[in-house]
Structure formats: C-alpha cells, structure tokens
Amino acid sequence: MPLVENTDAPCCAKQEDRIEVEETTGRFEAALAQLPDKTAGIFRMNRFEKKSYRQIHQELGIALPTVDYHMMKALAHLRTVFADCA
C-alpha cells in the first residue's frame, strides 16, 4: 500500500475492541464466581478496593498468612483461566 498523506492510518475497529473487553470482563467475572466467596472477597478488597493485606487482615480479623493464601489461590486460578489467552 503506497504512503498517501492526508489519509487515516488503518486501525482496529472500535467495535471489535469493545466486544473483546466485554468478553474478557465476562470471563474474568465468571472466573471469580468459581472461587469460594471468602477468596473472591479478599481478591476484590485488594485489587478493586486497593486495600493492603494488613488492612484486609485487620478488617476481617484473619491472619496475614491467610490473606496471602487466599490471594495466591485467586491469582493461580485466574492465571489458569487466562493461560490460553497469552
């Protein structure tokens, strides 16, 4: 394709991007729903509410290693679910 000035460069359609985001979001939410409630809740507190492990430990009254365990469990599950996307 020859270089022609004053034309738009080809790009991915915005509709395709939106569909991909919706599919990924749905897949992510489904993956979280597969986790035990406590594990998913701790993941959401850390990643969405931006709470530290220490804040979660204090708020829920659980040991820090327990928070770490649930986070590792959630992240491992998500890594498995999304492994084929890489």
PDB file of N, CA and C in Angstrom:
ATOM      1  N   MET A   1       0.856  -1.170   0.000  1.00  0.00           N
ATOM      2  CA  MET A   1       0.000   0.000   0.000  1.00  0.00           C
ATOM      3  C   MET A   1       0.904   1.235   0.000  1.00  0.00           C
ATOM      4  N   PRO A   2       0.779   2.078  -0.949  1.00  0.00           N
ATOM      5  CA  PRO A   2       1.630   3.270  -1.024  1.00  0.00           C
ATOM      6  C   PRO A   2       1.273   4.258   0.076  1.00  0.00           C
ATOM      7  N   LEU A   3       2.267   5.003   0.497  1.00  0.00           N
ATOM      8  CA  LEU A   3       2.066   6.015   1.521  1.00  0.00           C
ATOM      9  C   LEU A   3       1.385   7.225   0.895  1.00  0.00           C
ATOM     10  N   VAL A   4       0.238   7.551   1.398  1.00  0.00           N
ATOM     11  CA  VAL A   4      -0.518   8.691   0.896  1.00  0.00           C
ATOM     12  C   VAL A   4      -0.808   9.600   2.076  1.00  0.00           C
ATOM     13  N   GLU A   5      -0.412  10.844   1.941  1.00  0.00           N
ATOM     14  CA  GLU A   5      -0.666  11.788   3.024  1.00  0.00           C
ATOM     15  C   GLU A   5      -2.137  12.169   3.043  1.00  0.00           C
ATOM     16  N   ASN A   6      -2.551  12.704   4.170  1.00  0.00           N
ATOM     17  CA  ASN A   6      -3.927  13.164   4.367  1.00  0.00           C
ATOM     18  C   ASN A   6      -4.938  12.017   4.370  1.00  0.00           C
ATOM     19  N   THR A   7      -4.510  10.837   4.759  1.00  0.00           N
ATOM     20  CA  THR A   7      -5.452   9.727   4.923  1.00  0.00           C
ATOM     21  C   THR A   7      -5.255   9.145   6.311  1.00  0.00           C
ATOM     22  N   ASP A   8      -6.277   8.532   6.816  1.00  0.00           N
ATOM     23  CA  ASP A   8      -6.200   7.902   8.128  1.00  0.00           C
ATOM     24  C   ASP A   8      -5.449   6.586   8.028  1.00  0.00           C
ATOM     25  N   ALA A   9      -4.668   6.313   9.039  1.00  0.00           N
ATOM     26  CA  ALA A   9      -3.961   5.038   9.095  1.00  0.00           C
ATOM     27  C   ALA A   9      -4.958   3.944   9.449  1.00  0.00           C
ATOM     28  N   PRO A  10      -4.767   2.743   8.926  1.00  0.00           N
ATOM     29  CA  PRO A  10      -5.685   1.655   9.269  1.00  0.00           C
ATOM     30  C   PRO A  10      -5.550   1.314  10.755  1.00  0.00           C
ATOM     31  N   CYS A  11      -6.663   1.043  11.384  1.00  0.00           N
ATOM     32  CA  CYS A  11      -6.639   0.671  12.796  1.00  0.00           C
ATOM     33  C   CYS A  11      -7.750  -0.332  13.067  1.00  0.00           C
ATOM     34  N   CYS A  12      -7.666  -0.942  14.209  1.00  0.00           N
ATOM     35  CA  CYS A  12      -8.659  -1.918  14.636  1.00  0.00           C
ATOM     36  C   CYS A  12      -9.995  -1.212  14.872  1.00  0.00           C
ATOM     37  N   ALA A  13     -11.057  -1.827  14.484  1.00  0.00           N
ATOM     38  CA  ALA A  13     -12.379  -1.237  14.673  1.00  0.00           C
ATOM     39  C   ALA A  13     -12.712  -1.120  16.149  1.00  0.00           C
ATOM     40  N   LYS A  14     -13.258  -0.003  16.552  1.00  0.00           N
ATOM     41  CA  LYS A  14     -13.606   0.222  17.950  1.00  0.00           C
ATOM     42  C   LYS A  14     -14.623  -0.802  18.442  1.00  0.00           C
ATOM     43  N   GLN A  15     -15.495  -1.247  17.563  1.00  0.00           N
ATOM     44  CA  GLN A  15     -16.492  -2.240  17.938  1.00  0.00           C
ATOM     45  C   GLN A  15     -15.809  -3.557  18.330  1.00  0.00           C
ATOM     46  N   GLU A  16     -14.776  -3.940  17.605  1.00  0.00           N
ATOM     47  CA  GLU A  16     -14.025  -5.153  17.946  1.00  0.00           C
ATOM     48  C   GLU A  16     -13.390  -5.025  19.321  1.00  0.00           C
ATOM     49  N   ASP A  17     -12.818  -3.859  19.609  1.00  0.00           N
ATOM     50  CA  ASP A  17     -12.199  -3.626  20.909  1.00  0.00           C
ATOM     51  C   ASP A  17     -13.232  -3.734  22.028  1.00  0.00           C
ATOM     52  N   ARG A  18     -14.380  -3.128  21.819  1.00  0.00           N
ATOM     53  CA  ARG A  18     -15.443  -3.149  22.828  1.00  0.00           C
ATOM     54  C   ARG A  18     -15.913  -4.577  23.083  1.00  0.00           C
ATOM     55  N   ILE A  19     -16.082  -5.346  22.023  1.00  0.00           N
ATOM     56  CA  ILE A  19     -16.516  -6.736  22.164  1.00  0.00           C
ATOM     57  C   ILE A  19     -15.472  -7.548  22.925  1.00  0.00           C
ATOM     58  N   GLU A  20     -14.207  -7.336  22.604  1.00  0.00           N
ATOM     59  CA  GLU A  20     -13.135  -8.061  23.288  1.00  0.00           C
ATOM     60  C   GLU A  20     -13.097  -7.712  24.782  1.00  0.00           C
ATOM     61  N   VAL A  21     -13.281  -6.442  25.092  1.00  0.00           N
ATOM     62  CA  VAL A  21     -13.298  -6.020  26.505  1.00  0.00           C
ATOM     63  C   VAL A  21     -14.480  -6.658  27.224  1.00  0.00           C
ATOM     64  N   GLU A  22     -15.646  -6.669  26.600  1.00  0.00           N
ATOM     65  CA  GLU A  22     -16.829  -7.268  27.215  1.00  0.00           C
ATOM     66  C   GLU A  22     -16.638  -8.764  27.441  1.00  0.00           C
ATOM     67  N   GLU A  23     -16.068  -9.452  26.461  1.00  0.00           N
ATOM     68  CA  GLU A  23     -15.833 -10.889  26.600  1.00  0.00           C
ATOM     69  C   GLU A  23     -14.824 -11.178  27.716  1.00  0.00           C
ATOM     70  N   THR A  24     -13.764 -10.389  27.767  1.00  0.00           N
ATOM     71  CA  THR A  24     -12.745 -10.585  28.792  1.00  0.00           C
ATOM     72  C   THR A  24     -13.309 -10.289  30.174  1.00  0.00           C
ATOM     73  N   THR A  25     -14.096  -9.232  30.289  1.00  0.00           N
ATOM     74  CA  THR A  25     -14.716  -8.886  31.566  1.00  0.00           C
ATOM     75  C   THR A  25     -15.654 -10.003  32.019  1.00  0.00           C
ATOM     76  N   GLY A  26     -16.438 -10.523  31.110  1.00  0.00           N
ATOM     77  CA  GLY A  26     -17.340 -11.625  31.441  1.00  0.00           C
ATOM     78  C   GLY A  26     -16.585 -12.863  31.886  1.00  0.00           C
ATOM     79  N   ARG A  27     -15.513 -13.154  31.195  1.00  0.00           N
ATOM     80  CA  ARG A  27     -14.682 -14.314  31.541  1.00  0.00           C
ATOM     81  C   ARG A  27     -14.042 -14.118  32.920  1.00  0.00           C
ATOM     82  N   PHE A  28     -13.600 -12.897  33.195  1.00  0.00           N
ATOM     83  CA  PHE A  28     -12.991 -12.571  34.482  1.00  0.00           C
ATOM     84  C   PHE A  28     -14.009 -12.729  35.608  1.00  0.00           C
ATOM     85  N   GLU A  29     -15.201 -12.175  35.421  1.00  0.00           N
ATOM     86  CA  GLU A  29     -16.250 -12.274  36.448  1.00  0.00           C
ATOM     87  C   GLU A  29     -16.651 -13.732  36.668  1.00  0.00           C
ATOM     88  N   ALA A  30     -16.739 -14.521  35.599  1.00  0.00           N
ATOM     89  CA  ALA A  30     -17.075 -15.940  35.735  1.00  0.00           C
ATOM     90  C   ALA A  30     -15.986 -16.681  36.503  1.00  0.00           C
ATOM     91  N   ALA A  31     -14.731 -16.335  36.244  1.00  0.00           N
ATOM     92  CA  ALA A  31     -13.618 -16.970  36.952  1.00  0.00           C
ATOM     93  C   ALA A  31     -13.667 -16.632  38.440  1.00  0.00           C
ATOM     94  N   LEU A  32     -13.967 -15.382  38.772  1.00  0.00           N
ATOM     95  CA  LEU A  32     -14.084 -15.003  40.186  1.00  0.00           C
ATOM     96  C   LEU A  32     -15.259 -15.723  40.851  1.00  0.00           C
ATOM     97  N   ALA A  33     -16.334 -15.924  40.112  1.00  0.00           N
ATOM     98  CA  ALA A  33     -17.510 -16.599  40.659  1.00  0.00           C
ATOM     99  C   ALA A  33     -17.226 -18.068  40.976  1.00  0.00           C
ATOM    100  N   GLN A  34     -16.215 -18.635  40.346  1.00  0.00           N
ATOM    101  CA  GLN A  34     -15.847 -20.030  40.605  1.00  0.00           C
ATOM    102  C   GLN A  34     -15.079 -20.191  41.916  1.00  0.00           C
ATOM    103  N   LEU A  35     -14.563 -19.096  42.438  1.00  0.00           N
ATOM    104  CA  LEU A  35     -13.794 -19.136  43.679  1.00  0.00           C
ATOM    105  C   LEU A  35     -14.721 -19.152  44.890  1.00  0.00           C
ATOM    106  N   PRO A  36     -14.232 -19.690  46.016  1.00  0.00           N
ATOM    107  CA  PRO A  36     -15.020 -19.573  47.250  1.00  0.00           C
ATOM    108  C   PRO A  36     -15.262 -18.090  47.562  1.00  0.00           C
ATOM    109  N   ASP A  37     -16.376 -17.794  48.198  1.00  0.00           N
ATOM    110  CA  ASP A  37     -16.750 -16.403  48.490  1.00  0.00           C
ATOM    111  C   ASP A  37     -15.650 -15.646  49.227  1.00  0.00           C
ATOM    112  N   LYS A  38     -15.050 -16.277  50.216  1.00  0.00           N
ATOM    113  CA  LYS A  38     -14.021 -15.605  51.009  1.00  0.00           C
ATOM    114  C   LYS A  38     -12.816 -15.251  50.140  1.00  0.00           C
ATOM    115  N   THR A  39     -12.393 -16.176  49.291  1.00  0.00           N
ATOM    116  CA  THR A  39     -11.238 -15.938  48.414  1.00  0.00           C
ATOM    117  C   THR A  39     -11.542 -14.817  47.434  1.00  0.00           C
ATOM    118  N   ALA A  40     -12.701 -14.868  46.798  1.00  0.00           N
ATOM    119  CA  ALA A  40     -13.087 -13.825  45.846  1.00  0.00           C
ATOM    120  C   ALA A  40     -13.219 -12.475  46.549  1.00  0.00           C
ATOM    121  N   GLY A  41     -13.768 -12.485  47.760  1.00  0.00           N
ATOM    122  CA  GLY A  41     -13.927 -11.245  48.514  1.00  0.00           C
ATOM    123  C   GLY A  41     -12.594 -10.610  48.860  1.00  0.00           C
ATOM    124  N   ILE A  42     -11.648 -11.422  49.285  1.00  0.00           N
ATOM    125  CA  ILE A  42     -10.319 -10.906  49.618  1.00  0.00           C
ATOM    126  C   ILE A  42      -9.634 -10.373  48.365  1.00  0.00           C
ATOM    127  N   PHE A  43      -9.786 -11.072  47.259  1.00  0.00           N
ATOM    128  CA  PHE A  43      -9.209 -10.597  45.994  1.00  0.00           C
ATOM    129  C   PHE A  43      -9.796  -9.241  45.626  1.00  0.00           C
ATOM    130  N   ARG A  44     -11.111  -9.115  45.713  1.00  0.00           N
ATOM    131  CA  ARG A  44     -11.771  -7.844  45.370  1.00  0.00           C
ATOM    132  C   ARG A  44     -11.316  -6.707  46.299  1.00  0.00           C
ATOM    133  N   MET A  45     -11.178  -7.011  47.583  1.00  0.00           N
ATOM    134  CA  MET A  45     -10.738  -5.987  48.534  1.00  0.00           C
ATOM    135  C   MET A  45      -9.347  -5.475  48.164  1.00  0.00           C
ATOM    136  N   ASN A  46      -8.474  -6.383  47.771  1.00  0.00           N
ATOM    137  CA  ASN A  46      -7.107  -5.994  47.446  1.00  0.00           C
ATOM    138  C   ASN A  46      -7.016  -5.313  46.090  1.00  0.00           C
ATOM    139  N   ARG A  47      -7.603  -5.898  45.079  1.00  0.00           N
ATOM    140  CA  ARG A  47      -7.412  -5.398  43.720  1.00  0.00           C
ATOM    141  C   ARG A  47      -8.371  -4.286  43.322  1.00  0.00           C
ATOM    142  N   PHE A  48      -9.588  -4.299  43.830  1.00  0.00           N
ATOM    143  CA  PHE A  48     -10.562  -3.280  43.433  1.00  0.00           C
ATOM    144  C   PHE A  48     -10.669  -2.150  44.458  1.00  0.00           C
ATOM    145  N   GLU A  49     -10.634  -2.516  45.734  1.00  0.00           N
ATOM    146  CA  GLU A  49     -10.744  -1.502  46.781  1.00  0.00           C
ATOM    147  C   GLU A  49      -9.381  -0.973  47.209  1.00  0.00           C
ATOM    148  N   LYS A  50      -8.310  -1.555  46.651  1.00  0.00           N
ATOM    149  CA  LYS A  50      -6.926  -1.119  46.895  1.00  0.00           C
ATOM    150  C   LYS A  50      -6.527  -1.217  48.370  1.00  0.00           C
ATOM    151  N   LYS A  51      -7.049  -2.220  49.069  1.00  0.00           N
ATOM    152  CA  LYS A  51      -6.687  -2.416  50.467  1.00  0.00           C
ATOM    153  C   LYS A  51      -5.447  -3.298  50.538  1.00  0.00           C
ATOM    154  N   SER A  52      -4.576  -2.975  51.466  1.00  0.00           N
ATOM    155  CA  SER A  52      -3.362  -3.772  51.662  1.00  0.00           C
ATOM    156  C   SER A  52      -3.723  -5.074  52.376  1.00  0.00           C
ATOM    157  N   TYR A  53      -2.800  -6.016  52.333  1.00  0.00           N
ATOM    158  CA  TYR A  53      -3.010  -7.274  53.049  1.00  0.00           C
ATOM    159  C   TYR A  53      -3.244  -6.989  54.537  1.00  0.00           C
ATOM    160  N   ARG A  54      -2.503  -6.048  55.089  1.00  0.00           N
ATOM    161  CA  ARG A  54      -2.636  -5.706  56.506  1.00  0.00           C
ATOM    162  C   ARG A  54      -4.036  -5.142  56.791  1.00  0.00           C
ATOM    163  N   GLN A  55      -4.541  -4.280  55.921  1.00  0.00           N
ATOM    164  CA  GLN A  55      -5.885  -3.725  56.111  1.00  0.00           C
ATOM    165  C   GLN A  55      -6.937  -4.835  56.048  1.00  0.00           C
ATOM    166  N   ILE A  56      -6.775  -5.754  55.110  1.00  0.00           N
ATOM    167  CA  ILE A  56      -7.727  -6.867  54.982  1.00  0.00           C
ATOM    168  C   ILE A  56      -7.672  -7.735  56.233  1.00  0.00           C
ATOM    169  N   HIS A  57      -6.469  -8.032  56.681  1.00  0.00           N
ATOM    170  CA  HIS A  57      -6.265  -8.848  57.888  1.00  0.00           C
ATOM    171  C   HIS A  57      -6.962  -8.206  59.089  1.00  0.00           C
ATOM    172  N   GLN A  58      -6.818  -6.902  59.236  1.00  0.00           N
ATOM    173  CA  GLN A  58      -7.438  -6.211  60.361  1.00  0.00           C
ATOM    174  C   GLN A  58      -8.956  -6.136  60.214  1.00  0.00           C
ATOM    175  N   GLU A  59      -9.420  -5.858  59.023  1.00  0.00           N
ATOM    176  CA  GLU A  59     -10.863  -5.718  58.797  1.00  0.00           C
ATOM    177  C   GLU A  59     -11.606  -7.041  58.973  1.00  0.00           C
ATOM    178  N   LEU A  60     -11.019  -8.126  58.469  1.00  0.00           N
ATOM    179  CA  LEU A  60     -11.685  -9.428  58.539  1.00  0.00           C
ATOM    180  C   LEU A  60     -11.311 -10.216  59.793  1.00  0.00           C
ATOM    181  N   GLY A  61     -10.294  -9.753  60.512  1.00  0.00           N
ATOM    182  CA  GLY A  61      -9.875 -10.465  61.715  1.00  0.00           C
ATOM    183  C   GLY A  61      -9.235 -11.815  61.416  1.00  0.00           C
ATOM    184  N   ILE A  62      -8.500 -11.893  60.314  1.00  0.00           N
ATOM    185  CA  ILE A  62      -7.810 -13.132  59.947  1.00  0.00           C
ATOM    186  C   ILE A  62      -6.307 -12.870  59.924  1.00  0.00           C
ATOM    187  N   ALA A  63      -5.531 -13.931  59.983  1.00  0.00           N
ATOM    188  CA  ALA A  63      -4.078 -13.801  59.995  1.00  0.00           C
ATOM    189  C   ALA A  63      -3.559 -13.329  58.633  1.00  0.00           C
ATOM    190  N   LEU A  64      -2.457 -12.607  58.650  1.00  0.00           N
ATOM    191  CA  LEU A  64      -1.835 -12.153  57.399  1.00  0.00           C
ATOM    192  C   LEU A  64      -1.522 -13.316  56.455  1.00  0.00           C
ATOM    193  N   PRO A  65      -0.978 -14.435  56.959  1.00  0.00           N
ATOM    194  CA  PRO A  65      -0.722 -15.553  56.041  1.00  0.00           C
ATOM    195  C   PRO A  65      -1.998 -16.095  55.388  1.00  0.00           C
ATOM    196  N   THR A  66      -3.123 -15.935  56.061  1.00  0.00           N
ATOM    197  CA  THR A  66      -4.397 -16.375  55.485  1.00  0.00           C
ATOM    198  C   THR A  66      -4.791 -15.473  54.322  1.00  0.00           C
ATOM    199  N   VAL A  67      -4.574 -14.181  54.475  1.00  0.00           N
ATOM    200  CA  VAL A  67      -4.836 -13.243  53.376  1.00  0.00           C
ATOM    201  C   VAL A  67      -3.947 -13.612  52.192  1.00  0.00           C
ATOM    202  N   ASP A  68      -2.680 -13.848  52.458  1.00  0.00           N
ATOM    203  CA  ASP A  68      -1.734 -14.231  51.418  1.00  0.00           C
ATOM    204  C   ASP A  68      -2.172 -15.521  50.727  1.00  0.00           C
ATOM    205  N   TYR A  69      -2.612 -16.506  51.500  1.00  0.00           N
ATOM    206  CA  TYR A  69      -3.083 -17.778  50.947  1.00  0.00           C
ATOM    207  C   TYR A  69      -4.239 -17.561  49.975  1.00  0.00           C
ATOM    208  N   HIS A  70      -5.225 -16.779  50.382  1.00  0.00           N
ATOM    209  CA  HIS A  70      -6.399 -16.542  49.528  1.00  0.00           C
ATOM    210  C   HIS A  70      -6.015 -15.779  48.264  1.00  0.00           C
ATOM    211  N   MET A  71      -5.109 -14.820  48.383  1.00  0.00           N
ATOM    212  CA  MET A  71      -4.667 -14.075  47.201  1.00  0.00           C
ATOM    213  C   MET A  71      -3.923 -14.990  46.234  1.00  0.00           C
ATOM    214  N   MET A  72      -3.043 -15.835  46.767  1.00  0.00           N
ATOM    215  CA  MET A  72      -2.307 -16.768  45.897  1.00  0.00           C
ATOM    216  C   MET A  72      -3.273 -17.734  45.220  1.00  0.00           C
ATOM    217  N   LYS A  73      -4.273 -18.181  45.945  1.00  0.00           N
ATOM    218  CA  LYS A  73      -5.278 -19.092  45.387  1.00  0.00           C
ATOM    219  C   LYS A  73      -6.050 -18.407  44.253  1.00  0.00           C
ATOM    220  N   ALA A  74      -6.470 -17.173  44.478  1.00  0.00           N
ATOM    221  CA  ALA A  74      -7.220 -16.425  43.462  1.00  0.00           C
ATOM    222  C   ALA A  74      -6.362 -16.158  42.229  1.00  0.00           C
ATOM    223  N   LEU A  75      -5.141 -15.716  42.440  1.00  0.00           N
ATOM    224  CA  LEU A  75      -4.259 -15.404  41.310  1.00  0.00           C
ATOM    225  C   LEU A  75      -3.908 -16.647  40.510  1.00  0.00           C
ATOM    226  N   ALA A  76      -3.687 -17.768  41.184  1.00  0.00           N
ATOM    227  CA  ALA A  76      -3.392 -19.014  40.480  1.00  0.00           C
ATOM    228  C   ALA A  76      -4.580 -19.445  39.635  1.00  0.00           C
ATOM    229  N   HIS A  77      -5.777 -19.291  40.179  1.00  0.00           N
ATOM    230  CA  HIS A  77      -6.988 -19.654  39.426  1.00  0.00           C
ATOM    231  C   HIS A  77      -7.142 -18.770  38.187  1.00  0.00           C
ATOM    232  N   LEU A  78      -6.973 -17.472  38.363  1.00  0.00           N
ATOM    233  CA  LEU A  78      -7.093 -16.551  37.222  1.00  0.00           C
ATOM    234  C   LEU A  78      -6.016 -16.825  36.178  1.00  0.00           C
ATOM    235  N   ARG A  79      -4.817 -17.138  36.631  1.00  0.00           N
ATOM    236  CA  ARG A  79      -3.719 -17.463  35.704  1.00  0.00           C
ATOM    237  C   ARG A  79      -4.093 -18.696  34.874  1.00  0.00           C
ATOM    238  N   THR A  80      -4.690 -19.694  35.502  1.00  0.00           N
ATOM    239  CA  THR A  80      -5.108 -20.905  34.800  1.00  0.00           C
ATOM    240  C   THR A  80      -6.214 -20.594  33.783  1.00  0.00           C
ATOM    241  N   VAL A  81      -7.187 -19.823  34.197  1.00  0.00           N
ATOM    242  CA  VAL A  81      -8.317 -19.486  33.326  1.00  0.00           C
ATOM    243  C   VAL A  81      -7.855 -18.719  32.092  1.00  0.00           C
ATOM    244  N   PHE A  82      -6.901 -17.793  32.290  1.00  0.00           N
ATOM    245  CA  PHE A  82      -6.466 -16.938  31.194  1.00  0.00           C
ATOM    246  C   PHE A  82      -5.183 -17.423  30.517  1.00  0.00           C
ATOM    247  N   ALA A  83      -4.723 -18.615  30.838  1.00  0.00           N
ATOM    248  CA  ALA A  83      -3.470 -19.136  30.273  1.00  0.00           C
ATOM    249  C   ALA A  83      -3.545 -19.252  28.759  1.00  0.00           C
ATOM    250  N   ASP A  84      -4.695 -19.578  28.226  1.00  0.00           N
ATOM    251  CA  ASP A  84      -4.813 -19.755  26.780  1.00  0.00           C
ATOM    252  C   ASP A  84      -4.905 -18.430  26.018  1.00  0.00           C
ATOM    253  N   CYS A  85      -4.969 -17.318  26.730  1.00  0.00           N
ATOM    254  CA  CYS A  85      -5.066 -16.001  26.082  1.00  0.00           C
ATOM    255  C   CYS A  85      -3.693 -15.450  25.713  1.00  0.00           C
ATOM    256  N   ALA A  86      -2.664 -15.987  26.302  1.00  0.00           N
ATOM    257  CA  ALA A  86      -1.314 -15.441  26.093  1.00  0.00           C
ATOM    258  C   ALA A  86      -0.753 -15.787  24.740  1.00  0.00           C
TER     259      ALA A  86
END
